[in-house]
Amino acid sequence: MIVLREEFDDWAVLFDPDSGNAFGLNPVSVFIWKQLDGRHTVQDILEKLGKECADTPDDAETYVRAFLEDLSKAGLAGQEFKEA
């Protein structure tokens, strides 16, 4: 089980007590993490990010995909992410 511990100023830490892996999250990463429920596609996350976050950069898709890849490599996400 992965634990999300929300800290100050919307930052958070993901922690896997079994492996000891921890991963710091900025506010945008926290937003993305909260969308990872198995129902949202990468495109859904990008659309919601664009609607709810001010000044979403043009390269947001690159950031989101890199974040998902990092989570997977750290063992903090255990499934493939839906594309469509």
Protein backbone atom coordinates (compact mmCIF):
# COMPACT_ATOMS: atom_id res chain seq x y z
CA MET A 1 0.00 0.00 0.00
CA ILE A 2 1.36 3.42 -0.99
CA VAL A 3 0.85 6.24 1.50
CA LEU A 4 0.39 9.88 0.45
CA ARG A 5 1.37 12.27 3.20
CA GLU A 6 0.35 15.81 2.38
CA GLU A 7 2.68 18.43 3.77
CA PHE A 8 2.62 22.22 3.80
CA ASP A 9 1.95 24.44 0.75
CA ASP A 10 0.31 21.54 -1.15
CA TRP A 11 3.53 19.48 -1.31
CA ALA A 12 3.45 15.80 -0.39
CA VAL A 13 5.49 12.64 -0.01
CA LEU A 14 4.56 9.23 -1.42
CA PHE A 15 5.89 6.40 0.68
CA ASP A 16 5.89 2.64 0.23
CA PRO A 17 6.45 1.16 3.69
CA ASP A 18 7.22 -2.28 2.24
CA SER A 19 10.13 -1.15 0.07
CA GLY A 20 11.09 2.06 1.85
CA ASN A 21 10.79 4.01 -1.42
CA ALA A 22 9.77 7.64 -1.01
CA PHE A 23 9.03 10.24 -3.65
CA GLY A 24 8.54 13.98 -3.11
CA LEU A 25 5.62 15.59 -4.93
CA ASN A 26 5.12 19.21 -5.88
CA PRO A 27 1.54 20.56 -6.03
CA VAL A 28 1.05 19.60 -9.70
CA SER A 29 2.33 16.09 -9.03
CA VAL A 30 -0.10 15.78 -6.10
CA PHE A 31 -2.92 16.78 -8.46
CA ILE A 32 -1.84 14.14 -11.00
CA TRP A 33 -1.43 11.45 -8.31
CA LYS A 34 -4.99 12.03 -7.14
CA GLN A 35 -6.24 11.29 -10.68
CA LEU A 36 -4.57 7.87 -10.78
CA ASP A 37 -7.61 5.83 -9.89
CA GLY A 38 -7.57 3.38 -12.80
CA ARG A 39 -10.43 5.18 -14.55
CA HIS A 40 -8.66 8.27 -15.89
CA THR A 41 -6.58 8.07 -19.04
CA VAL A 42 -3.46 10.15 -19.56
CA GLN A 43 -5.54 12.37 -21.85
CA ASP A 44 -8.22 12.78 -19.15
CA ILE A 45 -5.54 13.87 -16.69
CA LEU A 46 -4.10 16.37 -19.18
CA GLU A 47 -7.54 17.85 -19.89
CA LYS A 48 -8.37 18.17 -16.21
CA LEU A 49 -4.96 19.65 -15.49
CA GLY A 50 -5.53 22.27 -18.20
CA LYS A 51 -8.91 23.21 -16.72
CA GLU A 52 -7.92 23.31 -13.06
CA CYS A 53 -4.32 24.54 -13.03
CA ALA A 54 -3.43 28.07 -14.03
CA ASP A 55 -0.76 28.58 -16.67
CA THR A 56 -0.45 24.94 -17.77
CA PRO A 57 2.66 24.80 -19.98
CA ASP A 58 2.53 23.61 -23.57
CA ASP A 59 4.78 20.68 -22.67
CA ALA A 60 2.50 19.43 -19.87
CA GLU A 61 2.08 16.07 -21.60
CA THR A 62 5.83 15.50 -21.49
CA TYR A 63 5.87 16.34 -17.78
CA VAL A 64 2.90 14.08 -16.98
CA ARG A 65 4.37 11.13 -18.88
CA ALA A 66 7.78 11.60 -17.23
CA PHE A 67 6.14 11.75 -13.81
CA LEU A 68 4.20 8.53 -14.47
CA GLU A 69 7.38 6.84 -15.69
CA ASP A 70 9.25 7.97 -12.55
CA LEU A 71 6.47 6.61 -10.32
CA SER A 72 6.59 3.30 -12.11
CA LYS A 73 10.39 3.03 -11.87
CA ALA A 74 10.24 3.84 -8.15
CA GLY A 75 7.69 1.06 -7.63
CA LEU A 76 5.04 3.55 -6.54
CA ALA A 77 2.65 2.80 -9.39
CA GLY A 78 1.92 -0.78 -10.28
CA GLN A 79 -0.14 -0.65 -13.44
CA GLU A 80 0.07 0.50 -17.01
CA PHE A 81 -1.54 3.86 -17.60
CA LYS A 82 -4.45 4.07 -20.00
CA GLU A 83 -3.80 5.94 -23.22
CA ALA A 84 -7.34 6.38 -24.53
